[in-house]
Protein backbone atom coordinates (compact mmCIF):
# COMPACT_ATOMS: atom_id res chain seq x y z
CA UNK A 1 8.25 -18.03 18.91
CA UNK A 2 6.04 -16.91 16.03
CA UNK A 3 2.90 -14.92 16.82
CA UNK A 4 -0.02 -16.52 14.93
CA UNK A 5 -3.26 -14.59 14.45
CA UNK A 6 -5.82 -16.84 12.78
CA UNK A 7 -9.37 -16.30 11.61
CA UNK A 8 -9.84 -20.06 11.00
CA UNK A 9 -7.93 -23.32 11.57
CA UNK A 10 -4.86 -23.72 9.38
CA UNK A 11 -6.38 -26.92 7.94
CA UNK A 12 -9.11 -24.79 6.31
CA UNK A 13 -6.71 -22.52 4.40
CA UNK A 14 -7.29 -22.93 0.66
CA UNK A 15 -6.28 -21.55 -2.73
CA UNK A 16 -7.03 -17.83 -3.01
CA UNK A 17 -6.84 -17.10 0.73
CA UNK A 18 -4.65 -14.20 1.84
CA UNK A 19 -1.87 -14.59 4.40
CA UNK A 20 0.26 -11.80 5.87
CA UNK A 21 3.77 -12.69 7.01
CA UNK A 22 5.42 -9.73 8.74
CA UNK A 23 5.23 -7.07 5.96
CA UNK A 24 4.50 -9.48 3.07
CA UNK A 25 0.95 -9.83 1.72
CA UNK A 26 0.77 -13.25 0.12
CA UNK A 27 -1.84 -15.37 -1.65
CA UNK A 28 -2.32 -19.12 -1.25
CA UNK A 29 -1.72 -21.17 -4.39
CA UNK A 30 -2.13 -24.66 -2.85
CA UNK A 31 -2.36 -26.52 0.47
CA UNK A 32 -0.93 -30.04 0.17
CA UNK A 33 0.21 -33.06 2.17
CA UNK A 34 3.95 -33.51 1.67
CA UNK A 35 4.32 -36.71 3.74
CA UNK A 36 1.72 -38.72 5.64
CA UNK A 37 3.43 -40.13 8.74
CA UNK A 38 0.32 -41.97 9.94
CA UNK A 39 -0.25 -40.14 13.23
CA UNK A 40 0.60 -36.74 11.71
CA UNK A 41 0.98 -35.17 8.29
CA UNK A 42 3.78 -32.96 7.06
CA UNK A 43 1.94 -30.16 5.26
CA UNK A 44 2.92 -27.38 2.84
CA UNK A 45 1.09 -24.20 1.94
CA UNK A 46 2.34 -22.83 -1.38
CA UNK A 47 2.22 -19.02 -1.46
CA UNK A 48 3.10 -16.22 -3.87
CA UNK A 49 3.41 -12.46 -3.75
CA UNK A 50 1.11 -11.08 -6.48
CA UNK A 51 3.18 -7.85 -6.68
CA UNK A 52 6.60 -9.46 -7.20
CA UNK A 53 5.59 -12.97 -8.33
CA UNK A 54 8.03 -14.47 -5.78
CA UNK A 55 7.14 -17.89 -4.39
CA UNK A 56 7.05 -18.83 -0.71
CA UNK A 57 6.06 -21.85 1.34
CA UNK A 58 4.89 -22.69 4.84
CA UNK A 59 5.71 -26.14 6.18
CA UNK A 60 4.24 -27.59 9.35
CA UNK A 61 3.15 -30.78 11.09
CA UNK A 62 -0.63 -31.10 11.40
CA UNK A 63 -0.50 -32.15 15.06
CA UNK A 64 1.83 -29.34 16.20
CA UNK A 65 1.32 -26.21 14.10
CA UNK A 66 2.47 -23.63 16.66
CA UNK A 67 5.88 -25.26 17.23
CA UNK A 68 6.56 -26.58 13.73
CA UNK A 69 5.52 -23.71 11.41
CA UNK A 70 8.43 -22.73 9.15
CA UNK A 71 8.52 -20.15 6.34
CA UNK A 72 10.58 -20.46 3.16
CA UNK A 73 11.32 -18.34 0.08
CA UNK A 74 12.01 -20.01 -3.26
CA UNK A 75 15.40 -18.86 -4.54
CA UNK A 76 16.27 -20.28 -7.94
CA UNK A 77 15.28 -23.94 -7.36
CA UNK A 78 15.79 -24.23 -3.59
CA UNK A 79 13.61 -23.09 -0.69
CA UNK A 80 15.56 -21.04 1.87
CA UNK A 81 14.14 -20.74 5.38
CA UNK A 82 13.28 -17.20 6.48
CA UNK A 83 12.77 -16.03 10.05
CA UNK A 84 9.36 -14.53 10.79
CA UNK A 85 7.77 -12.83 13.74
CA UNK A 86 4.05 -12.63 12.94
CA UNK A 87 1.60 -14.51 10.69
CA UNK A 88 -2.02 -13.60 10.02
CA UNK A 89 -4.77 -15.33 8.07
């Protein structure tokens, strides 16, 4: 289970916000709807590390953030899921 420390609801995260994932300090590039399933939305938060310029992504379902939050790193052209312990925004 991922420990989430939030200063506001995830739905209010926007471009320019800072998010810390374990030891990574990331910046939000975009917060988008990937798929609208009617009763819930599959969301993505596009992130980047300003020091290394690596790209990352959160994916989650809007009606179940705590149990669906997944973290990915962009490697070449494919996102690879990465385990995380703690997220702060």
